Amino acid sequence: MKRTKLLALALAGVMALAMLTGCSGGKTEDRRIAENVADIMKRSHPNVKEVSYSVPELSGAVRSAFAPGWLNEAGTGLERDALTKDGRTVEVFLKDSLKAYEERSTVYFFAFDATGESAYAQSERFVQGKAPSLPVFYQGVSITAYTKMRVGVCHKTVGEKDYCLVVLVLA
């Protein structure tokens, strides 16, 4: 009997902990931001009907290579000519890393210091036009030509700062 009570108490503790950590329907902060960015972008791209929240290159090569030096000193823009660890410019590195999306797609990379910001505040940067961006590939077509969108979001901590990294692919 005593063992059953202890087991029940332990299980209750695990369930309480799971409830505290699984807020917002189990969605991660990155997924919430990706969904918000997609909703914001769909307002200006009305024919987008299909949305994916996966850009594997972002959470792999791009996240690994990202450095705060990719942002200008004020943190309000991305420096396309900044150098990566392997000596390529940020622009060339992003083109190489995201080349799978080059044909028939417009691709943007966004990065900013998100230290202390909620998912909502990070998403609002896109509404306000305050998310520094760099066009990686651009197809000169009407915004109504796009029917598919991919949005990838991840974070990288460097020192005491947390950076939000986003790749937006329109096809």
C-alpha atoms as a PDB file:
ATOM      1  CA  MET A   1       0.000   0.000   0.000  1.00  0.00           C
ATOM      2  CA  LYS A   2       2.795   2.387   0.956  1.00  0.00           C
ATOM      3  CA  ARG A   3       4.593   1.617  -2.317  1.00  0.00           C
ATOM      4  CA  THR A   4       1.441   2.348  -4.345  1.00  0.00           C
ATOM      5  CA  LYS A   5       1.016   5.729  -2.629  1.00  0.00           C
ATOM      6  CA  LEU A   6       4.634   6.662  -3.313  1.00  0.00           C
ATOM      7  CA  LEU A   7       4.271   5.611  -6.932  1.00  0.00           C
ATOM      8  CA  ALA A   8       1.056   7.629  -7.278  1.00  0.00           C
ATOM      9  CA  LEU A   9       2.721  10.678  -5.717  1.00  0.00           C
ATOM     10  CA  ALA A  10       5.716  10.368  -8.037  1.00  0.00           C
ATOM     11  CA  LEU A  11       3.438  10.041 -11.061  1.00  0.00           C
ATOM     12  CA  ALA A  12       1.449  13.103  -9.972  1.00  0.00           C
ATOM     13  CA  GLY A  13       4.699  15.056  -9.700  1.00  0.00           C
ATOM     14  CA  VAL A  14       5.790  14.010 -13.187  1.00  0.00           C
ATOM     15  CA  MET A  15       2.391  14.974 -14.614  1.00  0.00           C
ATOM     16  CA  ALA A  16       2.495  18.379 -12.897  1.00  0.00           C
ATOM     17  CA  LEU A  17       5.966  19.019 -14.276  1.00  0.00           C
ATOM     18  CA  ALA A  18       4.842  17.995 -17.761  1.00  0.00           C
ATOM     19  CA  MET A  19       1.936  20.451 -17.567  1.00  0.00           C
ATOM     20  CA  LEU A  20       4.274  23.291 -16.600  1.00  0.00           C
ATOM     21  CA  THR A  21       6.735  22.615 -19.425  1.00  0.00           C
ATOM     22  CA  GLY A  22       4.202  21.793 -22.133  1.00  0.00           C
ATOM     23  CA  CYS A  23       2.510  25.169 -22.405  1.00  0.00           C
ATOM     24  CA  SER A  24       0.687  26.379 -25.513  1.00  0.00           C
ATOM     25  CA  GLY A  25      -0.463  23.013 -26.760  1.00  0.00           C
ATOM     26  CA  GLY A  26       3.048  21.564 -26.784  1.00  0.00           C
ATOM     27  CA  LYS A  27       4.304  23.980 -29.469  1.00  0.00           C
ATOM     28  CA  THR A  28       7.822  25.223 -29.096  1.00  0.00           C
ATOM     29  CA  GLU A  29       8.655  28.912 -29.171  1.00  0.00           C
ATOM     30  CA  ASP A  30      10.282  28.484 -32.586  1.00  0.00           C
ATOM     31  CA  ARG A  31       7.140  26.890 -34.037  1.00  0.00           C
ATOM     32  CA  ARG A  32       4.911  29.650 -32.593  1.00  0.00           C
ATOM     33  CA  ILE A  33       7.130  32.297 -34.163  1.00  0.00           C
ATOM     34  CA  ALA A  34       7.166  30.422 -37.501  1.00  0.00           C
ATOM     35  CA  GLU A  35       3.368  30.222 -37.505  1.00  0.00           C
ATOM     36  CA  ASN A  36       3.079  33.920 -36.663  1.00  0.00           C
ATOM     37  CA  VAL A  37       5.552  34.886 -39.398  1.00  0.00           C
ATOM     38  CA  ALA A  38       3.637  32.751 -41.911  1.00  0.00           C
ATOM     39  CA  ASP A  39       0.354  34.428 -40.924  1.00  0.00           C
ATOM     40  CA  ILE A  40       1.944  37.871 -41.293  1.00  0.00           C
ATOM     41  CA  MET A  41       3.481  37.044 -44.682  1.00  0.00           C
ATOM     42  CA  LYS A  42       0.276  35.494 -46.003  1.00  0.00           C
ATOM     43  CA  ARG A  43      -1.399  38.898 -45.616  1.00  0.00           C
ATOM     44  CA  SER A  44       0.827  40.302 -48.375  1.00  0.00           C
ATOM     45  CA  HIS A  45       0.961  37.047 -50.375  1.00  0.00           C
ATOM     46  CA  PRO A  46      -2.751  36.200 -50.714  1.00  0.00           C
ATOM     47  CA  ASN A  47      -2.395  33.144 -52.941  1.00  0.00           C
ATOM     48  CA  VAL A  48      -0.219  31.162 -50.538  1.00  0.00           C
ATOM     49  CA  LYS A  49      -2.250  28.069 -49.681  1.00  0.00           C
ATOM     50  CA  GLU A  50       0.451  25.641 -48.568  1.00  0.00           C
ATOM     51  CA  VAL A  51       2.779  26.349 -45.634  1.00  0.00           C
ATOM     52  CA  SER A  52       5.590  24.204 -44.269  1.00  0.00           C
ATOM     53  CA  TYR A  53       7.486  24.934 -41.074  1.00  0.00           C
ATOM     54  CA  SER A  54      10.666  23.108 -41.965  1.00  0.00           C
ATOM     55  CA  VAL A  55      13.901  24.481 -43.419  1.00  0.00           C
ATOM     56  CA  PRO A  56      16.449  21.865 -42.310  1.00  0.00           C
ATOM     57  CA  GLU A  57      19.413  23.910 -43.559  1.00  0.00           C
ATOM     58  CA  LEU A  58      18.545  26.624 -41.016  1.00  0.00           C
ATOM     59  CA  SER A  59      18.793  24.419 -37.950  1.00  0.00           C
ATOM     60  CA  GLY A  60      21.893  22.747 -39.373  1.00  0.00           C
ATOM     61  CA  ALA A  61      24.537  24.619 -41.354  1.00  0.00           C
ATOM     62  CA  VAL A  62      23.141  28.155 -41.019  1.00  0.00           C
ATOM     63  CA  ARG A  63      22.592  28.020 -37.259  1.00  0.00           C
ATOM     64  CA  SER A  64      26.006  26.477 -36.742  1.00  0.00           C
ATOM     65  CA  ALA A  65      27.781  29.159 -38.786  1.00  0.00           C
ATOM     66  CA  PHE A  66      25.804  32.192 -37.584  1.00  0.00           C
ATOM     67  CA  ALA A  67      27.831  34.775 -35.669  1.00  0.00           C
ATOM     68  CA  PRO A  68      26.777  38.144 -34.204  1.00  0.00           C
ATOM     69  CA  GLY A  69      29.175  39.809 -36.667  1.00  0.00           C
ATOM     70  CA  TRP A  70      26.660  39.063 -39.410  1.00  0.00           C
ATOM     71  CA  LEU A  71      24.612  41.968 -38.002  1.00  0.00           C
ATOM     72  CA  ASN A  72      25.665  45.577 -38.346  1.00  0.00           C
ATOM     73  CA  GLU A  73      26.897  47.379 -35.244  1.00  0.00           C
ATOM     74  CA  ALA A  74      23.432  48.709 -34.372  1.00  0.00           C
ATOM     75  CA  GLY A  75      21.841  45.280 -34.937  1.00  0.00           C
ATOM     76  CA  THR A  76      19.393  46.777 -37.423  1.00  0.00           C
ATOM     77  CA  GLY A  77      20.711  45.162 -40.600  1.00  0.00           C
ATOM     78  CA  LEU A  78      22.614  42.179 -41.916  1.00  0.00           C
ATOM     79  CA  GLU A  79      26.077  42.603 -43.399  1.00  0.00           C
ATOM     80  CA  ARG A  80      26.144  40.640 -46.658  1.00  0.00           C
ATOM     81  CA  ASP A  81      29.920  41.132 -46.937  1.00  0.00           C
ATOM     82  CA  ALA A  82      30.761  40.007 -43.380  1.00  0.00           C
ATOM     83  CA  LEU A  83      32.958  36.927 -43.379  1.00  0.00           C
ATOM     84  CA  THR A  84      32.020  33.514 -42.058  1.00  0.00           C
ATOM     85  CA  LYS A  85      34.521  31.301 -40.214  1.00  0.00           C
ATOM     86  CA  ASP A  86      35.427  29.579 -43.480  1.00  0.00           C
ATOM     87  CA  GLY A  87      36.195  32.900 -45.236  1.00  0.00           C
ATOM     88  CA  ARG A  88      33.087  33.168 -47.425  1.00  0.00           C
ATOM     89  CA  THR A  89      30.913  36.233 -47.271  1.00  0.00           C
ATOM     90  CA  VAL A  90      27.564  35.831 -45.500  1.00  0.00           C
ATOM     91  CA  GLU A  91      25.826  36.276 -48.848  1.00  0.00           C
ATOM     92  CA  VAL A  92      27.843  33.514 -50.559  1.00  0.00           C
ATOM     93  CA  PHE A  93      27.498  31.219 -47.539  1.00  0.00           C
ATOM     94  CA  LEU A  94      23.703  31.624 -47.477  1.00  0.00           C
ATOM     95  CA  LYS A  95      23.439  31.061 -51.236  1.00  0.00           C
ATOM     96  CA  ASP A  96      25.523  27.892 -50.919  1.00  0.00           C
ATOM     97  CA  SER A  97      23.609  26.651 -47.868  1.00  0.00           C
ATOM     98  CA  LEU A  98      20.137  27.354 -49.277  1.00  0.00           C
ATOM     99  CA  LYS A  99      20.783  26.469 -52.930  1.00  0.00           C
ATOM    100  CA  ALA A 100      18.096  23.764 -52.809  1.00  0.00           C
ATOM    101  CA  TYR A 101      15.529  26.600 -52.905  1.00  0.00           C
ATOM    102  CA  GLU A 102      17.147  28.692 -55.652  1.00  0.00           C
ATOM    103  CA  GLU A 103      15.076  27.561 -58.607  1.00  0.00           C
ATOM    104  CA  ARG A 104      11.647  29.220 -58.768  1.00  0.00           C
ATOM    105  CA  SER A 105      11.867  30.526 -55.183  1.00  0.00           C
ATOM    106  CA  THR A 106      12.434  33.787 -53.389  1.00  0.00           C
ATOM    107  CA  VAL A 107      14.395  33.263 -50.176  1.00  0.00           C
ATOM    108  CA  TYR A 108      15.029  35.672 -47.304  1.00  0.00           C
ATOM    109  CA  PHE A 109      17.208  35.254 -44.226  1.00  0.00           C
ATOM    110  CA  PHE A 110      16.384  37.204 -41.062  1.00  0.00           C
ATOM    111  CA  ALA A 111      18.427  37.479 -37.867  1.00  0.00           C
ATOM    112  CA  PHE A 112      18.206  39.642 -34.772  1.00  0.00           C
ATOM    113  CA  ASP A 113      19.091  39.800 -31.096  1.00  0.00           C
ATOM    114  CA  ALA A 114      16.013  38.440 -29.316  1.00  0.00           C
ATOM    115  CA  THR A 115      17.455  38.394 -25.807  1.00  0.00           C
ATOM    116  CA  GLY A 116      14.630  38.648 -23.290  1.00  0.00           C
ATOM    117  CA  GLU A 117      11.912  38.942 -25.950  1.00  0.00           C
ATOM    118  CA  SER A 118       8.793  36.797 -25.903  1.00  0.00           C
ATOM    119  CA  ALA A 119       7.712  34.830 -28.974  1.00  0.00           C
ATOM    120  CA  TYR A 120       5.034  37.482 -29.514  1.00  0.00           C
ATOM    121  CA  ALA A 121       7.573  40.349 -29.414  1.00  0.00           C
ATOM    122  CA  GLN A 122       9.826  38.514 -31.858  1.00  0.00           C
ATOM    123  CA  SER A 123       6.888  37.952 -34.233  1.00  0.00           C
ATOM    124  CA  GLU A 124       5.895  41.609 -33.985  1.00  0.00           C
ATOM    125  CA  ARG A 125       9.254  42.606 -35.482  1.00  0.00           C
ATOM    126  CA  PHE A 126       7.934  41.231 -38.783  1.00  0.00           C
ATOM    127  CA  VAL A 127       4.735  43.305 -38.557  1.00  0.00           C
ATOM    128  CA  GLN A 128       6.741  46.433 -37.816  1.00  0.00           C
ATOM    129  CA  GLY A 129       9.422  45.752 -40.439  1.00  0.00           C
ATOM    130  CA  LYS A 130      12.109  45.603 -37.743  1.00  0.00           C
ATOM    131  CA  ALA A 131      13.493  42.154 -38.486  1.00  0.00           C
ATOM    132  CA  PRO A 132      16.829  42.640 -40.287  1.00  0.00           C
ATOM    133  CA  SER A 133      16.756  40.678 -43.529  1.00  0.00           C
ATOM    134  CA  LEU A 134      18.951  39.674 -46.410  1.00  0.00           C
ATOM    135  CA  PRO A 135      17.504  38.485 -49.723  1.00  0.00           C
ATOM    136  CA  VAL A 136      19.281  35.261 -50.661  1.00  0.00           C
ATOM    137  CA  PHE A 137      17.463  34.487 -53.923  1.00  0.00           C
ATOM    138  CA  TYR A 138      14.916  36.695 -55.630  1.00  0.00           C
ATOM    139  CA  GLN A 139      12.545  35.805 -58.425  1.00  0.00           C
ATOM    140  CA  GLY A 140      11.105  38.925 -60.030  1.00  0.00           C
ATOM    141  CA  VAL A 141       7.499  37.747 -60.055  1.00  0.00           C
ATOM    142  CA  SER A 142       4.272  39.203 -58.747  1.00  0.00           C
ATOM    143  CA  ILE A 143       3.487  38.488 -55.096  1.00  0.00           C
ATOM    144  CA  THR A 144       0.327  36.772 -56.310  1.00  0.00           C
ATOM    145  CA  ALA A 145       2.445  34.160 -58.123  1.00  0.00           C
ATOM    146  CA  TYR A 146       3.510  32.528 -54.870  1.00  0.00           C
ATOM    147  CA  THR A 147       1.362  29.610 -53.700  1.00  0.00           C
ATOM    148  CA  LYS A 148       3.745  27.872 -51.266  1.00  0.00           C
ATOM    149  CA  MET A 149       5.709  29.073 -48.275  1.00  0.00           C
ATOM    150  CA  ARG A 150       8.314  27.568 -45.962  1.00  0.00           C
ATOM    151  CA  VAL A 151       9.225  29.240 -42.700  1.00  0.00           C
ATOM    152  CA  GLY A 152      12.024  27.960 -40.516  1.00  0.00           C
ATOM    153  CA  VAL A 153      12.878  29.480 -37.151  1.00  0.00           C
ATOM    154  CA  CYS A 154      15.606  28.608 -34.677  1.00  0.00           C
ATOM    155  CA  HIS A 155      17.560  30.355 -31.958  1.00  0.00           C
ATOM    156  CA  LYS A 156      21.253  30.464 -31.202  1.00  0.00           C
ATOM    157  CA  THR A 157      22.794  31.650 -27.975  1.00  0.00           C
ATOM    158  CA  VAL A 158      26.155  33.371 -28.281  1.00  0.00           C
ATOM    159  CA  GLY A 159      27.612  34.509 -24.983  1.00  0.00           C
ATOM    160  CA  GLU A 160      24.704  36.003 -23.076  1.00  0.00           C
ATOM    161  CA  LYS A 161      22.667  36.924 -26.145  1.00  0.00           C
ATOM    162  CA  ASP A 162      19.930  34.904 -27.822  1.00  0.00           C
ATOM    163  CA  TYR A 163      19.560  35.379 -31.577  1.00  0.00           C
ATOM    164  CA  CYS A 164      16.451  34.540 -33.568  1.00  0.00           C
ATOM    165  CA  LEU A 165      17.225  33.159 -37.050  1.00  0.00           C
ATOM    166  CA  VAL A 166      14.522  32.834 -39.701  1.00  0.00           C
ATOM    167  CA  VAL A 167      14.479  31.584 -43.288  1.00  0.00           C
ATOM    168  CA  LEU A 168      11.456  32.410 -45.442  1.00  0.00           C
ATOM    169  CA  VAL A 169      11.016  30.590 -48.766  1.00  0.00           C
ATOM    170  CA  LEU A 170       8.290  31.637 -51.210  1.00  0.00           C
ATOM    171  CA  ALA A 171       7.544  29.473 -54.242  1.00  0.00           C
END
